[in-house]
N, C-alpha and C. Protein backbone atom coordinates (compact mmCIF):
# COMPACT_ATOMS: atom_id res chain seq x y z
N MET A 1 3.83 2.87 7.52
CA MET A 1 4.43 3.33 8.02
C MET A 1 3.82 3.52 9.17
N ILE A 2 3.67 3.15 10.74
CA ILE A 2 2.65 3.22 11.72
C ILE A 2 3.56 4.68 12.28
N LEU A 3 2.52 4.79 12.85
CA LEU A 3 2.53 5.96 13.39
C LEU A 3 1.92 5.88 15.21
N VAL A 4 3.09 6.03 16.07
CA VAL A 4 2.96 5.64 17.52
C VAL A 4 2.08 6.86 17.99
N ASP A 5 1.11 6.36 18.98
CA ASP A 5 0.36 8.23 19.65
C ASP A 5 1.63 8.07 20.92
N SER A 6 1.19 9.19 21.47
CA SER A 6 1.68 10.04 22.57
C SER A 6 1.60 8.95 23.81
N SER A 7 0.47 8.10 23.95
CA SER A 7 0.09 7.29 25.23
C SER A 7 0.80 5.96 25.17
N VAL A 8 1.02 5.99 24.00
CA VAL A 8 2.23 4.32 23.56
C VAL A 8 3.86 4.66 24.13
N TRP A 9 4.01 6.14 23.66
CA TRP A 9 5.22 6.40 23.54
C TRP A 9 5.31 7.01 25.33
N VAL A 10 4.77 7.13 26.15
CA VAL A 10 4.60 7.61 27.15
C VAL A 10 4.90 6.38 28.16
N ALA A 11 4.35 5.65 28.11
CA ALA A 11 4.30 4.35 28.55
C ALA A 11 5.53 3.29 28.49
N TYR A 12 5.79 3.43 27.12
CA TYR A 12 7.35 2.88 26.52
C TYR A 12 8.41 3.59 27.85
N PHE A 13 8.14 5.00 27.64
CA PHE A 13 9.69 5.51 28.30
C PHE A 13 9.49 5.45 29.78
N ASN A 14 8.64 5.13 30.35
CA ASN A 14 8.60 4.49 31.54
C ASN A 14 8.23 3.32 32.03
N GLY A 15 8.54 2.51 31.12
CA GLY A 15 9.08 0.94 31.25
C GLY A 15 7.92 0.48 31.48
N ALA A 16 6.51 0.58 31.08
CA ALA A 16 5.43 0.08 31.38
C ALA A 16 5.45 -1.67 30.43
N GLU A 17 4.75 -1.95 31.16
CA GLU A 17 4.84 -3.67 29.65
C GLU A 17 2.85 -3.56 29.47
N THR A 18 2.77 -3.06 28.38
CA THR A 18 1.65 -3.27 27.93
C THR A 18 1.15 -3.98 26.31
N LEU A 19 0.39 -4.34 25.72
CA LEU A 19 0.32 -5.02 24.40
C LEU A 19 1.01 -3.98 23.58
N ALA A 20 0.55 -2.58 23.86
CA ALA A 20 1.31 -1.83 22.71
C ALA A 20 2.36 -1.52 23.04
N THR A 21 3.05 -1.88 24.27
CA THR A 21 4.25 -1.31 24.37
C THR A 21 4.76 -1.98 23.94
N LYS A 22 5.35 -3.86 23.85
CA LYS A 22 5.61 -5.04 24.08
C LYS A 22 5.43 -4.92 21.88
N LYS A 23 4.44 -4.56 21.74
CA LYS A 23 3.84 -4.52 20.36
C LYS A 23 5.39 -3.29 19.17
N LEU A 24 5.42 -2.26 20.32
CA LEU A 24 5.92 -0.98 20.12
C LEU A 24 7.25 -1.54 20.32
N ASP A 25 7.77 -2.31 21.12
CA ASP A 25 8.94 -2.92 21.12
C ASP A 25 9.97 -3.98 19.91
N GLY A 26 9.16 -4.42 19.53
CA GLY A 26 8.97 -5.92 18.68
C GLY A 26 9.34 -5.30 17.27
N LEU A 27 8.41 -3.75 16.81
CA LEU A 27 8.63 -3.20 15.99
C LEU A 27 9.69 -2.04 15.44
N LEU A 28 10.12 -1.43 16.26
CA LEU A 28 11.28 -0.83 16.57
C LEU A 28 12.94 -1.54 15.45
N GLY A 29 13.50 -1.09 14.69
CA GLY A 29 14.43 -1.37 13.87
C GLY A 29 13.33 -2.24 12.88
N LEU A 30 12.52 -3.18 12.84
CA LEU A 30 12.10 -4.08 12.05
C LEU A 30 11.11 -3.54 10.94
N GLN A 31 10.02 -2.50 11.60
CA GLN A 31 9.35 -1.89 10.72
C GLN A 31 9.23 -0.41 10.75
N PRO A 32 9.33 0.22 9.61
CA PRO A 32 8.96 1.76 9.75
C PRO A 32 7.95 2.61 10.57
N ILE A 33 8.37 3.06 11.73
CA ILE A 33 7.80 3.73 12.83
C ILE A 33 7.70 5.01 12.36
N CYS A 34 7.16 6.09 12.48
CA CYS A 34 6.98 7.49 12.70
C CYS A 34 6.94 8.26 13.82
N THR A 35 6.82 9.73 13.46
CA THR A 35 6.10 9.96 14.61
C THR A 35 6.11 11.61 14.40
N GLY A 36 5.30 12.51 14.91
CA GLY A 36 4.68 13.80 14.11
C GLY A 36 4.97 14.73 15.61
N ASP A 37 5.56 16.42 14.96
CA ASP A 37 6.23 17.15 16.04
C ASP A 37 4.97 17.43 16.76
N LEU A 38 3.48 16.85 17.13
CA LEU A 38 3.20 17.55 17.90
C LEU A 38 2.74 16.12 18.97
N ILE A 39 3.19 14.89 18.35
CA ILE A 39 3.56 13.87 19.71
C ILE A 39 5.11 14.37 20.40
N ILE A 40 5.85 14.45 19.29
CA ILE A 40 7.46 14.83 20.25
C ILE A 40 7.20 15.96 20.73
N ALA A 41 6.35 16.71 20.87
CA ALA A 41 6.03 18.07 21.87
C ALA A 41 5.16 17.64 22.96
N GLU A 42 4.21 16.70 22.87
CA GLU A 42 2.92 16.14 23.98
C GLU A 42 4.14 15.06 24.98
N VAL A 43 5.20 14.53 24.38
CA VAL A 43 5.65 13.28 24.86
C VAL A 43 7.02 14.15 25.57
N LEU A 44 7.84 14.66 25.33
CA LEU A 44 9.06 15.33 26.21
C LEU A 44 8.30 16.65 26.87
N GLN A 45 7.54 17.14 27.23
CA GLN A 45 6.96 17.75 28.16
C GLN A 45 7.09 17.02 29.46
N GLY A 46 6.52 15.72 29.11
CA GLY A 46 6.42 15.23 30.47
C GLY A 46 7.73 14.76 31.27
N PHE A 47 8.51 15.18 30.86
CA PHE A 47 10.04 14.17 31.19
C PHE A 47 10.97 15.22 32.28
N ARG A 48 11.00 14.75 33.29
CA ARG A 48 11.19 15.79 34.59
C ARG A 48 13.10 15.93 34.56
N GLN A 49 13.69 14.70 34.10
CA GLN A 49 14.97 14.30 33.93
C GLN A 49 15.98 14.89 33.14
N ASP A 50 16.74 16.14 33.09
CA ASP A 50 17.18 15.85 31.91
C ASP A 50 17.84 14.65 31.02
N GLN A 51 18.46 13.36 31.64
CA GLN A 51 19.45 12.62 30.70
C GLN A 51 17.65 11.62 30.03
N ASP A 52 16.80 11.76 30.41
CA ASP A 52 15.98 10.87 30.31
C ASP A 52 15.26 12.01 29.29
N TYR A 53 14.98 13.02 29.64
CA TYR A 53 14.73 13.49 28.12
C TYR A 53 15.62 13.53 27.24
N GLN A 54 16.95 13.67 27.18
CA GLN A 54 18.05 13.80 26.30
C GLN A 54 17.61 12.43 25.31
N ALA A 55 17.49 11.11 25.81
CA ALA A 55 17.77 9.86 25.41
C ALA A 55 16.59 9.48 24.36
N ALA A 56 15.08 10.30 24.95
CA ALA A 56 13.68 9.70 24.51
C ALA A 56 14.23 11.04 23.10
N LYS A 57 14.55 12.30 23.23
CA LYS A 57 14.79 13.44 22.33
C LYS A 57 15.41 12.62 21.18
N THR A 58 16.55 12.03 21.29
CA THR A 58 17.37 11.32 20.34
C THR A 58 16.30 10.18 19.82
N LEU A 59 16.13 9.47 20.24
CA LEU A 59 15.34 8.39 19.92
C LEU A 59 14.24 8.95 18.73
N LEU A 60 13.65 9.63 19.31
CA LEU A 60 12.17 9.83 18.36
C LEU A 60 12.78 11.20 17.29
N CYS A 61 13.50 11.60 17.56
CA CYS A 61 13.96 12.78 16.01
C CYS A 61 14.98 11.89 15.51
N SER A 62 15.17 10.12 15.78
CA SER A 62 15.97 9.68 14.98
C SER A 62 14.82 8.82 13.86
N LEU A 63 13.53 8.64 14.44
CA LEU A 63 12.52 8.83 13.77
C LEU A 63 12.23 9.62 12.48
N PRO A 64 11.71 9.24 11.45
CA PRO A 64 10.76 10.11 10.37
C PRO A 64 9.93 11.07 10.93
N VAL A 65 9.95 12.77 11.52
CA VAL A 65 9.37 12.96 11.64
C VAL A 65 8.53 14.82 10.73
N TYR A 66 7.08 14.05 11.48
CA TYR A 66 6.09 14.85 9.92
C TYR A 66 4.99 15.87 10.62
N PRO A 67 5.51 17.55 10.04
CA PRO A 67 4.60 18.25 10.65
C PRO A 67 2.91 17.96 10.94
N MET A 68 2.40 18.07 11.99
CA MET A 68 1.28 17.21 11.69
C MET A 68 -0.36 18.37 11.55
N LEU A 69 -0.17 19.78 11.55
CA LEU A 69 -1.17 20.91 11.73
C LEU A 69 -1.09 21.28 10.85
N GLY A 70 -0.90 22.60 10.28
CA GLY A 70 -1.10 23.36 9.55
C GLY A 70 -2.76 24.19 9.22
N VAL A 71 -2.86 25.17 8.57
CA VAL A 71 -4.48 25.57 8.70
C VAL A 71 -5.34 25.02 8.02
N THR A 72 -5.12 23.64 6.77
CA THR A 72 -6.09 23.33 6.67
C THR A 72 -6.25 21.91 7.77
N LEU A 73 -5.50 21.28 8.40
CA LEU A 73 -5.59 20.87 9.04
C LEU A 73 -6.44 21.24 10.87
N SER A 74 -5.53 22.23 10.82
CA SER A 74 -6.33 22.67 12.26
C SER A 74 -7.81 22.78 11.94
N LEU A 75 -8.12 23.73 11.14
CA LEU A 75 -9.82 23.35 10.44
C LEU A 75 -10.70 21.87 10.35
N LYS A 76 -9.72 21.36 9.77
CA LYS A 76 -10.64 19.83 9.92
C LYS A 76 -10.64 19.57 11.25
N SER A 77 -9.68 19.26 11.89
CA SER A 77 -9.37 19.04 13.00
C SER A 77 -10.96 19.73 13.96
N ALA A 78 -11.02 20.45 14.21
CA ALA A 78 -12.13 21.52 14.62
C ALA A 78 -13.46 20.75 14.29
N GLU A 79 -13.52 20.64 12.73
CA GLU A 79 -14.93 20.05 12.32
C GLU A 79 -14.79 18.33 12.75
N ASN A 80 -13.67 17.77 12.57
CA ASN A 80 -13.91 16.17 13.52
C ASN A 80 -14.19 16.25 14.99
N PHE A 81 -13.96 17.43 15.76
CA PHE A 81 -13.97 17.65 17.00
C PHE A 81 -15.52 17.50 17.25
N ARG A 82 -16.16 18.73 15.97
CA ARG A 82 -17.37 19.25 16.42
C ARG A 82 -18.10 17.95 16.55
N ILE A 83 -18.33 17.13 14.76
CA ILE A 83 -18.84 15.86 14.62
C ILE A 83 -19.15 15.24 15.38
N LEU A 84 -17.77 14.94 16.43
CA LEU A 84 -17.97 13.59 17.39
C LEU A 84 -18.62 14.12 18.63
N ARG A 85 -18.91 15.38 18.97
CA ARG A 85 -19.28 16.03 20.34
C ARG A 85 -20.98 16.01 20.09
N LYS A 86 -21.18 16.17 18.55
CA LYS A 86 -22.37 16.28 18.58
C LYS A 86 -22.83 14.81 18.41
N GLN A 87 -22.18 13.25 18.03
CA GLN A 87 -22.79 12.19 18.16
C GLN A 87 -22.17 12.11 19.79
N GLY A 88 -22.21 12.65 20.98
CA GLY A 88 -21.74 12.74 22.35
C GLY A 88 -20.79 11.92 22.82
N ILE A 89 -19.81 11.98 21.19
CA ILE A 89 -18.81 11.59 22.06
C ILE A 89 -17.96 13.20 22.38
N THR A 90 -16.94 12.96 23.68
CA THR A 90 -16.46 13.80 23.79
C THR A 90 -14.72 13.60 24.14
N ILE A 91 -13.79 14.23 23.45
CA ILE A 91 -12.79 14.11 23.13
C ILE A 91 -12.17 14.81 24.48
N ARG A 92 -11.02 14.39 24.84
CA ARG A 92 -10.15 14.74 26.24
C ARG A 92 -9.41 15.66 25.86
N LYS A 93 -8.86 15.98 25.08
CA LYS A 93 -7.36 16.96 24.98
C LYS A 93 -7.45 16.87 23.39
N THR A 94 -7.93 18.16 22.74
CA THR A 94 -7.81 18.46 21.60
C THR A 94 -6.72 18.01 20.77
N ILE A 95 -5.61 18.20 21.29
CA ILE A 95 -4.47 16.97 20.76
C ILE A 95 -4.58 15.92 20.62
N ASP A 96 -5.45 15.37 21.06
CA ASP A 96 -5.76 13.85 20.38
C ASP A 96 -6.50 14.14 19.31
N THR A 97 -7.52 14.75 18.88
CA THR A 97 -8.61 14.88 17.51
C THR A 97 -7.59 15.40 17.09
N MET A 98 -6.66 16.45 17.22
CA MET A 98 -5.37 16.86 15.74
C MET A 98 -4.32 15.31 15.31
N ILE A 99 -4.20 15.22 16.10
CA ILE A 99 -3.51 13.68 16.09
C ILE A 99 -4.03 12.80 15.23
N ALA A 100 -5.32 12.49 15.35
CA ALA A 100 -6.52 10.98 14.45
C ALA A 100 -6.63 11.57 13.20
N THR A 101 -6.60 13.50 13.51
CA THR A 101 -6.94 14.14 11.69
C THR A 101 -5.86 13.77 10.94
N PHE A 102 -4.58 14.10 11.57
CA PHE A 102 -3.68 13.68 10.80
C PHE A 102 -3.83 12.17 10.11
N CYS A 103 -3.97 11.26 10.98
CA CYS A 103 -3.98 10.23 10.60
C CYS A 103 -4.43 9.62 9.21
N ILE A 104 -5.67 10.20 9.71
CA ILE A 104 -6.62 9.88 8.22
C ILE A 104 -6.56 10.18 7.25
C-alpha cells in the first residue's frame, strides 16, 4: 500500500509534471494507493473552483482512507517534532510531522 503525501496530490491536481506526479499517474489503477483524513483535508482546502474540488474529492474518497491521528499518534507526533527540533531540524508544518508519524 502506498500513501501519497499532500504535496504530491497538490502538484498532481495542478497538472505539474514532476517525477512524483508521473510516478503517481503510473501507479493509479495498478498499485494499491491510499490516503489519510489529514491529507484529504490539506489537499481539498486549497481548491478555489467547486468543480475542481468535487473532482478531487471524488478521486481521493475512492481510495482507502485511513484516520491518521487520535491521542496516541498526537502524542507521538509531538515527541517526533521535539526530537527533530533538538537535532536542529525544523519542520515547517505540524501536519507534516503527523503524517510522517502515521506512516512510521
